[in-house]
Structure formats: structure tokens, C-alpha cells
């Protein structure tokens, strides 16, 4: 039995199509009935040569990252509550451990102190939440063609070597020992 199949290839600035007669039982009867292509100008902004939807797509991606981060942090806090490390009141109250700046030890110092002594439940909760907030990311793929990602990877490798050569057990210990209390721990000049 011969059946007709329409194949379509939609590209950025072209539309290719083909109609094929296909016989499952006899390959000799297979043939291309007709085919063609239509070219058109690509939908892109004249100045940047980018898709007009790029700004919208980028904004949607940022919203998704923020939403996932909020969900992840809520799940971690709920886990700490369910395991009895912290109470819901301590998270919610106005002068709770996350809202009060008075009499609060720097979380980086707590990460350092955790190697030397047992932390109480509030301190441990702060450390775990801090680690979850600053968990970093991993590059997907090995595309070295992008110059900016190549610089970031190189700087990351240098930082990793410094850490390994310094002989510290954890990143928290390393940053607290190297940078102390009132110095920047993050490589950010400004927050968005």
C-alpha cells in the first residue's frame, strides 16, 4: 500500500517541504512527488541581529530561576523544621535568626567554627541555608567557542587550584581564614 507523506522543515529564514509516496512493501515504488523551499527574511532586530522574542525569553528565564530558587529555599526550610533543627516561629518572627542583625555571628565564621566545635541547631540551620543559597552552578557542555565562558572556566580552575593548594578542609574555612570578618567573600561588584 502506497501512502503519501508531507515533510516540512521550518528554519529561521526558510521553509522546506517535500511530498513523498512511500510503499512499505516495495522500496522501488518510493518516490518524491514534489518538493521545494521558500526563503524569507529572518525575524530579527536590525541593530542586534537577534530574535525580537529574545528579551521576552530572557526575562522568562530569569523569572523561572527566581521561582526555582524560592521553591528550593522553602523546601530546605521545611526540611529543617520537619527534622526539628529549627521551629517555624524562629523563621517567622520579626526578630528571628534570619531577620535580626543584632548579636549575630557572621555565617562564614559559623562555617569555620563548625570544623572546631558542634554548632547549636540555629547555627547549623543558618549554615545549611547559607550553603543552599550559595550552591553555585555547573557548566553544561564544553563549548569553548564563547570567549566569556572560557574566561569564567579559567578563573574557576585557578580558584580551585588555590583552594586545593591552601590545605583547607572546606570553602567556608578557606574564605573565613583568608578574608576574615569585614571583607568581601563574593566576587560581585554590584547586585542586580
Protein backbone atom coordinates (compact mmCIF):
# COMPACT_ATOMS: atom_id res chain seq x y z
CA UNK A 1 0.00 0.00 0.00
CA UNK A 2 1.37 3.40 -1.00
CA UNK A 3 0.91 6.34 1.34
CA UNK A 4 1.74 10.00 0.83
CA UNK A 5 3.85 11.76 3.43
CA UNK A 6 4.33 15.51 3.73
CA UNK A 7 7.64 16.55 5.29
CA UNK A 8 8.22 20.11 6.48
CA UNK A 9 11.47 21.74 7.61
CA UNK A 10 10.89 25.11 9.23
CA UNK A 11 14.05 27.17 9.62
CA UNK A 12 14.79 30.71 10.79
CA UNK A 13 14.54 32.16 7.31
CA UNK A 14 13.27 29.28 5.19
CA UNK A 15 10.53 26.71 4.85
CA UNK A 16 11.40 23.47 3.09
CA UNK A 17 8.80 20.90 2.11
CA UNK A 18 8.53 17.60 0.29
CA UNK A 19 5.73 15.19 -0.64
CA UNK A 20 6.82 11.56 -0.82
CA UNK A 21 4.98 8.43 -1.93
CA UNK A 22 6.09 5.68 0.42
CA UNK A 23 5.46 1.96 -0.06
CA UNK A 24 6.31 -0.19 2.96
CA UNK A 25 6.32 -3.40 0.96
CA UNK A 26 8.35 -2.36 -2.08
CA UNK A 27 11.17 0.19 -1.79
CA UNK A 28 11.36 0.58 -5.57
CA UNK A 29 7.96 2.29 -5.59
CA UNK A 30 9.12 5.04 -3.19
CA UNK A 31 9.46 8.41 -4.89
CA UNK A 32 9.49 12.13 -4.28
CA UNK A 33 6.33 13.61 -5.77
CA UNK A 34 7.28 17.25 -5.33
CA UNK A 35 9.49 19.40 -3.13
CA UNK A 36 10.50 22.98 -2.71
CA UNK A 37 11.73 25.72 -0.46
CA UNK A 38 10.52 29.19 0.35
CA UNK A 39 13.02 31.76 1.59
CA UNK A 40 12.06 34.82 3.59
CA UNK A 41 13.86 37.42 5.65
CA UNK A 42 14.61 36.30 9.18
CA UNK A 43 12.67 37.92 12.01
CA UNK A 44 15.44 39.78 13.78
CA UNK A 45 16.12 43.22 15.09
CA UNK A 46 18.23 45.20 12.61
CA UNK A 47 20.68 46.52 15.19
CA UNK A 48 21.49 43.43 17.28
CA UNK A 49 20.58 40.78 14.68
CA UNK A 50 18.67 38.89 17.37
CA UNK A 51 15.18 37.48 17.59
CA UNK A 52 12.56 40.02 18.69
CA UNK A 53 11.48 37.49 21.34
CA UNK A 54 14.94 37.27 22.91
CA UNK A 55 14.24 39.90 25.57
CA UNK A 56 10.97 38.19 26.47
CA UNK A 57 12.63 34.76 26.55
CA UNK A 58 15.49 36.05 28.73
CA UNK A 59 13.05 37.67 31.17
CA UNK A 60 11.05 34.43 31.36
CA UNK A 61 14.26 32.51 32.10
CA UNK A 62 15.14 34.90 34.93
CA UNK A 63 11.63 34.56 36.39
CA UNK A 64 11.99 30.78 36.33
CA UNK A 65 15.37 30.90 38.08
CA UNK A 66 13.95 33.16 40.80
CA UNK A 67 10.90 30.93 41.25
CA UNK A 68 13.00 27.75 41.46
CA UNK A 69 15.35 29.39 43.99
CA UNK A 70 12.38 30.46 46.15
CA UNK A 71 10.87 26.96 46.00
CA UNK A 72 14.22 25.35 46.82
CA UNK A 73 14.77 27.60 49.83
CA UNK A 74 11.24 26.97 51.13
CA UNK A 75 11.76 23.21 50.77
CA UNK A 76 15.05 23.40 52.68
CA UNK A 77 13.47 25.45 55.47
CA UNK A 78 10.56 23.00 55.67
CA UNK A 79 13.04 20.11 55.86
CA UNK A 80 14.90 21.79 58.73
CA UNK A 81 11.58 22.35 60.54
CA UNK A 82 10.44 18.75 59.97
CA UNK A 83 13.77 17.41 61.30
CA UNK A 84 13.47 19.54 64.43
CA UNK A 85 16.53 21.69 63.84
CA UNK A 86 14.51 24.88 63.97
CA UNK A 87 10.93 25.89 64.73
CA UNK A 88 8.59 27.69 62.39
CA UNK A 89 8.35 30.53 64.94
CA UNK A 90 12.10 31.14 64.75
CA UNK A 91 11.84 31.53 60.98
CA UNK A 92 8.73 33.70 61.04
CA UNK A 93 9.17 36.03 63.96
CA UNK A 94 10.27 39.58 63.25
CA UNK A 95 13.48 39.36 65.25
CA UNK A 96 14.17 35.75 64.32
CA UNK A 97 17.57 34.39 63.44
CA UNK A 98 17.26 35.44 59.79
CA UNK A 99 15.80 38.89 60.37
CA UNK A 100 17.81 40.30 63.25
CA UNK A 101 21.23 41.81 62.61
CA UNK A 102 21.90 42.31 66.33
CA UNK A 103 24.19 39.88 68.14
CA UNK A 104 24.55 37.71 65.08
CA UNK A 105 27.73 35.88 64.21
CA UNK A 106 28.84 36.02 60.57
CA UNK A 107 27.67 32.86 58.82
CA UNK A 108 31.13 32.44 57.28
CA UNK A 109 32.57 32.35 60.79
CA UNK A 110 29.96 29.73 61.72
CA UNK A 111 31.07 27.63 58.76
CA UNK A 112 34.64 27.93 60.02
CA UNK A 113 33.61 27.22 63.64
CA UNK A 114 31.70 24.10 62.58
CA UNK A 115 35.05 22.38 61.99
CA UNK A 116 36.18 23.16 65.54
CA UNK A 117 33.02 22.72 67.63
CA UNK A 118 29.46 21.40 67.50
CA UNK A 119 27.03 24.10 66.36
CA UNK A 120 23.66 24.53 68.03
CA UNK A 121 20.53 23.93 65.94
CA UNK A 122 20.01 27.59 64.99
CA UNK A 123 23.63 27.99 63.91
CA UNK A 124 23.57 24.74 61.94
CA UNK A 125 20.33 25.81 60.25
CA UNK A 126 21.88 29.13 59.24
CA UNK A 127 24.93 27.35 57.82
CA UNK A 128 22.86 24.84 55.83
CA UNK A 129 20.59 27.54 54.42
CA UNK A 130 23.63 29.66 53.54
CA UNK A 131 25.24 26.76 51.68
CA UNK A 132 21.98 26.12 49.82
CA UNK A 133 21.73 29.79 48.83
CA UNK A 134 25.31 29.89 47.53
CA UNK A 135 25.40 26.48 45.93
CA UNK A 136 26.92 27.66 42.65
CA UNK A 137 26.32 26.09 39.27
CA UNK A 138 27.93 23.68 36.86
CA UNK A 139 28.60 24.42 33.21
CA UNK A 140 26.57 22.28 30.83
CA UNK A 141 28.62 21.26 27.83
CA UNK A 142 32.13 22.05 26.77
CA UNK A 143 31.56 24.88 24.31
CA UNK A 144 34.87 26.74 24.41
CA UNK A 145 33.89 28.97 21.49
CA UNK A 146 32.29 31.52 23.81
CA UNK A 147 35.14 33.75 24.97
CA UNK A 148 33.34 34.88 28.14
CA UNK A 149 32.59 31.35 29.37
CA UNK A 150 36.20 30.40 28.63
CA UNK A 151 37.39 33.21 30.92
CA UNK A 152 34.98 32.11 33.66
CA UNK A 153 36.12 28.49 33.40
CA UNK A 154 39.78 29.53 33.53
CA UNK A 155 39.19 31.72 36.60
CA UNK A 156 37.25 28.88 38.24
CA UNK A 157 40.12 26.46 37.62
CA UNK A 158 42.62 28.94 39.13
CA UNK A 159 40.39 29.39 42.18
CA UNK A 160 40.05 25.62 42.58
CA UNK A 161 43.85 25.22 42.44
CA UNK A 162 44.34 27.96 45.05
CA UNK A 163 41.85 26.23 47.35
CA UNK A 164 43.47 22.80 46.95
CA UNK A 165 46.98 24.17 47.49
CA UNK A 166 45.95 26.12 50.60
CA UNK A 167 45.21 22.89 52.51
CA UNK A 168 41.84 23.88 53.95
CA UNK A 169 39.07 21.34 54.51
CA UNK A 170 36.11 23.41 53.31
CA UNK A 171 35.39 26.51 51.27
CA UNK A 172 33.90 28.16 54.36
CA UNK A 173 37.11 27.63 56.33
CA UNK A 174 39.19 28.91 53.43
CA UNK A 175 37.18 32.10 52.89
CA UNK A 176 36.97 32.92 56.60
CA UNK A 177 40.69 32.32 57.11
CA UNK A 178 41.75 34.24 54.01
CA UNK A 179 39.33 37.15 54.09
CA UNK A 180 38.22 37.49 57.69
CA UNK A 181 35.20 39.26 59.06
CA UNK A 182 34.72 42.51 57.16
CA UNK A 183 35.97 41.62 53.70
CA UNK A 184 34.07 40.55 50.61
CA UNK A 185 33.61 36.82 50.18
CA UNK A 186 31.84 37.00 46.82
CA UNK A 187 33.23 38.23 43.53
CA UNK A 188 30.40 40.65 42.79
CA UNK A 189 30.80 44.36 42.33
CA UNK A 190 27.06 45.01 42.38
CA UNK A 191 23.78 43.18 42.82
CA UNK A 192 21.04 43.24 40.22
